[in-house]
Amino acid sequence: MTRSTCAVILFCVLFFFDVPTLAKQPEFSSDQALIAMGLCEDMGQKVNVLVDYTTTKCIPSLSIKGTDFIFISEQTVFAVEVSEKAWVIVVVASVGRTLNDKPSYLADKILFSDMSMLKDKNYYMIPATLAKTLQQEVYNGQISIDVMWQRITSALKVFSVAP
C-alpha cells in the first residue's frame, strides 16, 4: 500500500466518521483485516484495469453483519450517467465475482462514492448479496447488462455519514 493510499484512507476515516461512532463498531482481528484488505486490493485492481478514466480506491470496514466495501472514485463519476453506469457495473461485477469465489466470506454492503459526493459525506449503497446474485446471473447468461443496471439502480440507497 502506497503512502498516498494510506493518507487517503486515514483522511476518510478521520474526516468522515465520528470517533465515537467508530468506537461502537466491531473491530477487525489482524487476520480479518488482512483478508479484507487483500480482497479490496484485488477488487480495486480489477476496477482500475477496466475503468481507465478514474482511479478507484477500496476501503474495507467491518459491520455487524460482515465486511462493508467502500469504493471511492477519485474523479466525479456520478455527474454523467454513462460514466456512472460503467463504473458502478464494473464495481458490482468485481465485488460479485470476488465474493462468489469466496462463498464463506461474509460481506454486508457495498458503498459507492466519488470525491464530489464525499464532500457532502454521501454514498450510494447496495447489499453485497445483490452483487453476488447479479454477477452470477450475468455470467450464466440469465440476464443482460441492462437488466443488471436496472436492478442496481432500483436497489441503490443514499447513505449519509452523520456530521
C-alpha atoms as a PDB file:
ATOM      1  CA  MET A   1       0.000   0.000   0.000  1.00  0.00           C
ATOM      2  CA  THR A   2       1.488   3.339  -1.016  1.00  0.00           C
ATOM      3  CA  ARG A   3       1.907   6.275   1.283  1.00  0.00           C
ATOM      4  CA  SER A   4      -0.700   8.291  -0.656  1.00  0.00           C
ATOM      5  CA  THR A   5      -3.256   5.459  -0.385  1.00  0.00           C
ATOM      6  CA  CYS A   6      -2.707   5.303   3.381  1.00  0.00           C
ATOM      7  CA  ALA A   7      -3.124   9.076   3.569  1.00  0.00           C
ATOM      8  CA  VAL A   8      -6.439   8.936   1.643  1.00  0.00           C
ATOM      9  CA  ILE A   9      -7.745   6.175   3.912  1.00  0.00           C
ATOM     10  CA  LEU A  10      -6.674   7.991   7.076  1.00  0.00           C
ATOM     11  CA  PHE A  11      -8.220  11.241   5.798  1.00  0.00           C
ATOM     12  CA  CYS A  12     -11.529   9.495   5.043  1.00  0.00           C
ATOM     13  CA  VAL A  13     -11.644   7.837   8.456  1.00  0.00           C
ATOM     14  CA  LEU A  14     -10.759  10.972  10.392  1.00  0.00           C
ATOM     15  CA  PHE A  15     -12.832  13.409   8.341  1.00  0.00           C
ATOM     16  CA  PHE A  16     -15.956  11.418   7.543  1.00  0.00           C
ATOM     17  CA  PHE A  17     -16.524   9.297  10.613  1.00  0.00           C
ATOM     18  CA  ASP A  18     -17.067  10.318  14.208  1.00  0.00           C
ATOM     19  CA  VAL A  19     -14.608   8.754  16.618  1.00  0.00           C
ATOM     20  CA  PRO A  20     -17.470   7.754  18.990  1.00  0.00           C
ATOM     21  CA  THR A  21     -19.239   6.085  16.040  1.00  0.00           C
ATOM     22  CA  LEU A  22     -16.119   4.126  15.210  1.00  0.00           C
ATOM     23  CA  ALA A  23     -15.729   3.046  18.826  1.00  0.00           C
ATOM     24  CA  LYS A  24     -19.136   1.325  18.675  1.00  0.00           C
ATOM     25  CA  GLN A  25     -18.208  -0.678  15.570  1.00  0.00           C
ATOM     26  CA  PRO A  26     -16.833  -4.205  15.807  1.00  0.00           C
ATOM     27  CA  GLU A  27     -13.086  -4.473  15.382  1.00  0.00           C
ATOM     28  CA  PHE A  28     -11.182  -6.429  12.762  1.00  0.00           C
ATOM     29  CA  SER A  29      -8.842  -9.092  14.037  1.00  0.00           C
ATOM     30  CA  SER A  30      -5.478  -8.877  12.326  1.00  0.00           C
ATOM     31  CA  ASP A  31      -6.375 -11.901  10.159  1.00  0.00           C
ATOM     32  CA  GLN A  32      -9.764 -10.415   9.204  1.00  0.00           C
ATOM     33  CA  ALA A  33      -8.128  -7.107   8.352  1.00  0.00           C
ATOM     34  CA  LEU A  34      -5.519  -8.731   6.131  1.00  0.00           C
ATOM     35  CA  ILE A  35      -8.150 -10.771   4.291  1.00  0.00           C
ATOM     36  CA  ALA A  36     -10.431  -7.753   3.819  1.00  0.00           C
ATOM     37  CA  MET A  37      -7.539  -5.573   2.657  1.00  0.00           C
ATOM     38  CA  GLY A  38      -6.454  -8.289   0.213  1.00  0.00           C
ATOM     39  CA  LEU A  39      -9.966  -8.590  -1.196  1.00  0.00           C
ATOM     40  CA  CYS A  40     -10.221  -4.806  -1.522  1.00  0.00           C
ATOM     41  CA  GLU A  41      -6.848  -4.631  -3.253  1.00  0.00           C
ATOM     42  CA  ASP A  42      -7.921  -7.335  -5.712  1.00  0.00           C
ATOM     43  CA  MET A  43     -11.310  -5.757  -6.437  1.00  0.00           C
ATOM     44  CA  GLY A  44      -9.814  -2.270  -6.765  1.00  0.00           C
ATOM     45  CA  GLN A  45      -7.226  -3.520  -9.263  1.00  0.00           C
ATOM     46  CA  LYS A  46      -9.940  -5.168 -11.369  1.00  0.00           C
ATOM     47  CA  VAL A  47     -11.951  -1.948 -11.428  1.00  0.00           C
ATOM     48  CA  ASN A  48      -8.904   0.177 -12.283  1.00  0.00           C
ATOM     49  CA  VAL A  49      -7.969  -2.108 -15.183  1.00  0.00           C
ATOM     50  CA  LEU A  50     -11.469  -1.956 -16.687  1.00  0.00           C
ATOM     51  CA  VAL A  51     -12.310   1.687 -15.956  1.00  0.00           C
ATOM     52  CA  ASP A  52      -9.421   3.831 -17.111  1.00  0.00           C
ATOM     53  CA  TYR A  53     -10.942   7.312 -16.693  1.00  0.00           C
ATOM     54  CA  THR A  54     -10.607   7.322 -12.905  1.00  0.00           C
ATOM     55  CA  THR A  55      -8.661   5.693 -10.122  1.00  0.00           C
ATOM     56  CA  THR A  56     -10.738   3.729  -7.639  1.00  0.00           C
ATOM     57  CA  LYS A  57      -9.831   3.057  -4.033  1.00  0.00           C
ATOM     58  CA  CYS A  58     -11.425   0.276  -1.993  1.00  0.00           C
ATOM     59  CA  ILE A  59     -11.597   0.520   1.780  1.00  0.00           C
ATOM     60  CA  PRO A  60     -12.907  -2.350   3.923  1.00  0.00           C
ATOM     61  CA  SER A  61     -14.982  -1.632   7.012  1.00  0.00           C
ATOM     62  CA  LEU A  62     -16.318  -4.177   9.469  1.00  0.00           C
ATOM     63  CA  SER A  63     -20.035  -4.096  10.223  1.00  0.00           C
ATOM     64  CA  ILE A  64     -22.199  -6.254  12.460  1.00  0.00           C
ATOM     65  CA  LYS A  65     -23.177  -8.497   9.511  1.00  0.00           C
ATOM     66  CA  GLY A  66     -19.772  -8.751   7.814  1.00  0.00           C
ATOM     67  CA  THR A  67     -17.460  -6.541   5.817  1.00  0.00           C
ATOM     68  CA  ASP A  68     -18.613  -3.403   4.051  1.00  0.00           C
ATOM     69  CA  PHE A  69     -16.598  -2.496   0.970  1.00  0.00           C
ATOM     70  CA  ILE A  70     -16.326   1.235   0.296  1.00  0.00           C
ATOM     71  CA  PHE A  71     -15.367   2.202  -3.258  1.00  0.00           C
ATOM     72  CA  ILE A  72     -14.278   5.769  -3.913  1.00  0.00           C
ATOM     73  CA  SER A  73     -13.602   7.189  -7.364  1.00  0.00           C
ATOM     74  CA  GLU A  74     -11.017   9.951  -7.499  1.00  0.00           C
ATOM     75  CA  GLN A  75     -12.893  11.547 -10.418  1.00  0.00           C
ATOM     76  CA  THR A  76     -16.529  12.603 -10.448  1.00  0.00           C
ATOM     77  CA  VAL A  77     -18.450   9.673 -11.959  1.00  0.00           C
ATOM     78  CA  PHE A  78     -21.991  10.353 -10.750  1.00  0.00           C
ATOM     79  CA  ALA A  79     -22.427  13.607 -12.696  1.00  0.00           C
ATOM     80  CA  VAL A  80     -22.557  11.848 -16.087  1.00  0.00           C
ATOM     81  CA  GLU A  81     -24.888   8.867 -16.494  1.00  0.00           C
ATOM     82  CA  VAL A  82     -22.601   6.961 -18.873  1.00  0.00           C
ATOM     83  CA  SER A  83     -19.606   7.117 -16.535  1.00  0.00           C
ATOM     84  CA  GLU A  84     -21.791   6.323 -13.515  1.00  0.00           C
ATOM     85  CA  LYS A  85     -23.292   3.271 -15.218  1.00  0.00           C
ATOM     86  CA  ALA A  86     -19.950   1.902 -16.396  1.00  0.00           C
ATOM     87  CA  TRP A  87     -18.160   2.456 -13.089  1.00  0.00           C
ATOM     88  CA  VAL A  88     -20.939   1.081 -10.872  1.00  0.00           C
ATOM     89  CA  ILE A  89     -21.470  -2.003 -13.063  1.00  0.00           C
ATOM     90  CA  VAL A  90     -17.746  -2.784 -13.019  1.00  0.00           C
ATOM     91  CA  VAL A  91     -17.566  -2.350  -9.233  1.00  0.00           C
ATOM     92  CA  VAL A  92     -20.633  -4.550  -8.672  1.00  0.00           C
ATOM     93  CA  ALA A  93     -19.338  -7.230 -11.054  1.00  0.00           C
ATOM     94  CA  SER A  94     -15.899  -7.181  -9.421  1.00  0.00           C
ATOM     95  CA  VAL A  95     -17.323  -7.489  -5.914  1.00  0.00           C
ATOM     96  CA  GLY A  96     -19.790 -10.162  -7.019  1.00  0.00           C
ATOM     97  CA  ARG A  97     -17.100 -12.249  -8.690  1.00  0.00           C
ATOM     98  CA  THR A  98     -14.723 -11.963  -5.740  1.00  0.00           C
ATOM     99  CA  LEU A  99     -17.428 -12.905  -3.228  1.00  0.00           C
ATOM    100  CA  ASN A 100     -18.721 -15.757  -5.401  1.00  0.00           C
ATOM    101  CA  ASP A 101     -15.161 -17.116  -5.485  1.00  0.00           C
ATOM    102  CA  LYS A 102     -15.135 -16.986  -1.652  1.00  0.00           C
ATOM    103  CA  PRO A 103     -18.655 -18.153  -0.708  1.00  0.00           C
ATOM    104  CA  SER A 104     -17.918 -18.424   3.019  1.00  0.00           C
ATOM    105  CA  TYR A 105     -16.740 -14.797   3.283  1.00  0.00           C
ATOM    106  CA  LEU A 106     -19.328 -12.580   4.981  1.00  0.00           C
ATOM    107  CA  ALA A 107     -19.883  -9.242   3.294  1.00  0.00           C
ATOM    108  CA  ASP A 108     -22.716  -6.883   4.155  1.00  0.00           C
ATOM    109  CA  LYS A 109     -22.804  -3.773   1.948  1.00  0.00           C
ATOM    110  CA  ILE A 110     -21.090  -2.094  -0.969  1.00  0.00           C
ATOM    111  CA  LEU A 111     -20.823   1.661  -0.710  1.00  0.00           C
ATOM    112  CA  PHE A 112     -20.021   3.858  -3.736  1.00  0.00           C
ATOM    113  CA  SER A 113     -18.874   7.436  -3.785  1.00  0.00           C
ATOM    114  CA  ASP A 114     -16.745   9.878  -5.701  1.00  0.00           C
ATOM    115  CA  MET A 115     -14.803  12.868  -4.447  1.00  0.00           C
ATOM    116  CA  SER A 116     -17.707  15.214  -5.210  1.00  0.00           C
ATOM    117  CA  MET A 117     -20.169  13.144  -3.160  1.00  0.00           C
ATOM    118  CA  LEU A 118     -17.643  12.741  -0.343  1.00  0.00           C
ATOM    119  CA  LYS A 119     -17.590  16.495   0.172  1.00  0.00           C
ATOM    120  CA  ASP A 120     -21.238  16.152   1.236  1.00  0.00           C
ATOM    121  CA  LYS A 121     -20.487  12.909   3.132  1.00  0.00           C
ATOM    122  CA  ASN A 122     -22.786  10.874   0.880  1.00  0.00           C
ATOM    123  CA  TYR A 123     -22.536   7.381  -0.549  1.00  0.00           C
ATOM    124  CA  TYR A 124     -24.743   5.085  -2.560  1.00  0.00           C
ATOM    125  CA  MET A 125     -25.231   1.654  -1.071  1.00  0.00           C
ATOM    126  CA  ILE A 126     -26.435  -1.801  -2.152  1.00  0.00           C
ATOM    127  CA  PRO A 127     -26.358  -5.162  -0.340  1.00  0.00           C
ATOM    128  CA  ALA A 128     -23.322  -7.307  -1.151  1.00  0.00           C
ATOM    129  CA  THR A 129     -25.650 -10.269  -1.739  1.00  0.00           C
ATOM    130  CA  LEU A 130     -27.156  -8.409  -4.693  1.00  0.00           C
ATOM    131  CA  ALA A 131     -23.700  -8.078  -6.275  1.00  0.00           C
ATOM    132  CA  LYS A 132     -23.145 -11.815  -5.901  1.00  0.00           C
ATOM    133  CA  THR A 133     -26.512 -12.637  -7.455  1.00  0.00           C
ATOM    134  CA  LEU A 134     -26.194 -10.186 -10.345  1.00  0.00           C
ATOM    135  CA  GLN A 135     -22.662 -11.254 -11.227  1.00  0.00           C
ATOM    136  CA  GLN A 136     -23.674 -14.907 -11.287  1.00  0.00           C
ATOM    137  CA  GLU A 137     -26.786 -14.232 -13.379  1.00  0.00           C
ATOM    138  CA  VAL A 138     -24.868 -12.168 -15.956  1.00  0.00           C
ATOM    139  CA  TYR A 139     -22.063 -14.737 -16.062  1.00  0.00           C
ATOM    140  CA  ASN A 140     -24.580 -17.550 -16.673  1.00  0.00           C
ATOM    141  CA  GLY A 141     -26.355 -15.535 -19.381  1.00  0.00           C
ATOM    142  CA  GLN A 142     -29.597 -15.341 -17.376  1.00  0.00           C
ATOM    143  CA  ILE A 143     -29.772 -11.535 -17.509  1.00  0.00           C
ATOM    144  CA  SER A 144     -28.288  -8.781 -19.672  1.00  0.00           C
ATOM    145  CA  ILE A 145     -26.100  -5.902 -18.515  1.00  0.00           C
ATOM    146  CA  ASP A 146     -29.107  -3.591 -18.984  1.00  0.00           C
ATOM    147  CA  VAL A 147     -31.218  -5.712 -16.628  1.00  0.00           C
ATOM    148  CA  MET A 148     -28.296  -5.765 -14.195  1.00  0.00           C
ATOM    149  CA  TRP A 149     -28.172  -1.948 -14.299  1.00  0.00           C
ATOM    150  CA  GLN A 150     -31.945  -1.668 -13.738  1.00  0.00           C
ATOM    151  CA  ARG A 151     -31.720  -3.939 -10.687  1.00  0.00           C
ATOM    152  CA  ILE A 152     -28.748  -1.998  -9.309  1.00  0.00           C
ATOM    153  CA  THR A 153     -30.451   1.379  -9.705  1.00  0.00           C
ATOM    154  CA  SER A 154     -33.666   0.129  -8.121  1.00  0.00           C
ATOM    155  CA  ALA A 155     -31.676  -1.110  -5.111  1.00  0.00           C
ATOM    156  CA  LEU A 156     -29.352   1.903  -4.678  1.00  0.00           C
ATOM    157  CA  LYS A 157     -29.947   3.804  -1.464  1.00  0.00           C
ATOM    158  CA  VAL A 158     -28.304   7.019  -0.379  1.00  0.00           C
ATOM    159  CA  PHE A 159     -26.239   6.669   2.761  1.00  0.00           C
ATOM    160  CA  SER A 160     -25.132   9.816   4.586  1.00  0.00           C
ATOM    161  CA  VAL A 161     -22.463   9.936   7.232  1.00  0.00           C
ATOM    162  CA  ALA A 162     -23.601  11.948  10.242  1.00  0.00           C
ATOM    163  CA  PRO A 163     -21.661  15.208  10.734  1.00  0.00           C
END
